[in-house]
Amino acid sequence: MVTERLTVDFWFDPACPLSRVTATWITAVAEQRPVDIRWRVMSLSVLNEGRDVDPEGDEEGYLWIPARVCAAIQTAYGHTALGRV
C-alpha cells in the first residue's frame, strides 16, 4: 500500500466537457488515495491556433474566455482555488 503522498499535475481545458468528467474522476481518486492535485489550465483553442481548420469550430475565439478566467484565478489565488472552480 502506498503511504507517501503523490502529486498529480492535472491539465484541463475549462471549455471541454471531457475535462470536466476527468476532473470529477481525479477528485474522487484524491478523496480515497494519498493524492494531491495541482490544477493547471490549458486551452485546446490556443493549442490549435494557426491551423487551417479549427477543430473546435470557434472562429471568433470565445473558447479562450474560460481559459483566461481560470488562468487569472490560478495566478491570483493558486492551484487549490482553481480546483474549486
Protein backbone atom coordinates (compact mmCIF):
# COMPACT_ATOMS: atom_id res chain seq x y z
CA MET A 1 0.00 0.00 0.00
CA VAL A 2 1.28 3.46 -0.91
CA THR A 3 1.79 5.64 2.16
CA GLU A 4 3.56 8.63 0.64
CA ARG A 5 1.51 11.37 -0.98
CA LEU A 6 1.68 11.74 -4.73
CA THR A 7 1.21 14.99 -6.63
CA VAL A 8 -0.68 14.88 -9.91
CA ASP A 9 -0.47 17.76 -12.37
CA PHE A 10 -3.95 17.84 -13.89
CA TRP A 11 -4.14 19.90 -17.09
CA PHE A 12 -7.64 20.79 -18.21
CA ASP A 13 -9.50 22.93 -20.69
CA PRO A 14 -12.42 24.61 -18.89
CA ALA A 15 -14.43 24.66 -22.14
CA CYS A 16 -14.05 20.90 -22.71
CA PRO A 17 -16.78 18.63 -21.31
CA LEU A 18 -14.37 15.66 -21.22
CA SER A 19 -12.05 17.68 -18.98
CA ARG A 20 -14.95 18.12 -16.56
CA VAL A 21 -15.64 14.39 -16.46
CA THR A 22 -11.97 13.58 -15.90
CA ALA A 23 -11.64 16.29 -13.23
CA THR A 24 -14.56 14.73 -11.36
CA TRP A 25 -12.82 11.35 -11.56
CA ILE A 26 -9.41 12.60 -10.31
CA THR A 27 -11.13 14.46 -7.45
CA ALA A 28 -12.83 11.21 -6.40
CA VAL A 29 -9.48 9.41 -6.55
CA ALA A 30 -7.88 12.08 -4.34
CA GLU A 31 -10.61 11.56 -1.73
CA GLN A 32 -9.70 7.87 -1.41
CA ARG A 33 -5.94 7.82 -2.07
CA PRO A 34 -2.98 9.93 -0.89
CA VAL A 35 -3.03 12.17 -3.98
CA ASP A 36 -2.61 15.93 -4.13
CA ILE A 37 -3.89 17.57 -7.30
CA ARG A 38 -2.09 20.54 -8.80
CA TRP A 39 -4.67 22.07 -11.15
CA ARG A 40 -3.31 23.57 -14.36
CA VAL A 41 -5.30 25.34 -17.04
CA MET A 42 -4.73 24.96 -20.76
CA SER A 43 -6.76 25.73 -23.84
CA LEU A 44 -7.32 23.50 -26.83
CA SER A 45 -8.17 26.65 -28.79
CA VAL A 46 -4.73 28.06 -28.05
CA LEU A 47 -3.03 24.76 -28.92
CA ASN A 48 -4.91 24.59 -32.23
CA GLU A 49 -4.32 28.25 -33.13
CA GLY A 50 -2.99 28.74 -36.62
CA ARG A 51 -4.38 25.54 -38.08
CA ASP A 52 -6.21 25.74 -41.38
CA VAL A 53 -9.32 24.18 -39.85
CA ASP A 54 -10.37 24.95 -36.29
CA PRO A 55 -11.34 21.58 -34.71
CA GLU A 56 -13.43 23.34 -32.05
CA GLY A 57 -15.31 25.43 -34.61
CA ASP A 58 -14.57 28.56 -32.60
CA GLU A 59 -13.71 31.07 -35.30
CA GLU A 60 -14.42 34.05 -33.01
CA GLY A 61 -12.24 32.79 -30.13
CA TYR A 62 -14.94 32.60 -27.46
CA LEU A 63 -13.45 29.39 -26.03
CA TRP A 64 -10.40 31.38 -24.92
CA ILE A 65 -12.53 33.26 -22.35
CA PRO A 66 -12.93 30.39 -19.81
CA ALA A 67 -9.22 29.59 -20.07
CA ARG A 68 -8.31 33.23 -19.41
CA VAL A 69 -10.64 33.40 -16.41
CA CYS A 70 -9.16 30.20 -14.97
CA ALA A 71 -5.61 31.43 -15.60
CA ALA A 72 -6.42 34.63 -13.72
CA ILE A 73 -7.84 32.62 -10.79
CA GLN A 74 -4.75 30.42 -10.70
CA THR A 75 -2.44 33.44 -10.79
CA ALA A 76 -4.31 35.38 -8.11
CA TYR A 77 -5.35 32.58 -5.75
CA GLY A 78 -3.35 29.46 -6.59
CA HIS A 79 -3.91 25.88 -7.69
CA THR A 80 -6.29 24.97 -4.84
CA ALA A 81 -8.68 27.80 -5.71
CA LEU A 82 -8.57 26.79 -9.36
CA GLY A 83 -9.56 23.26 -8.40
CA ARG A 84 -12.57 24.56 -6.50
CA VAL A 85 -13.74 26.40 -9.63
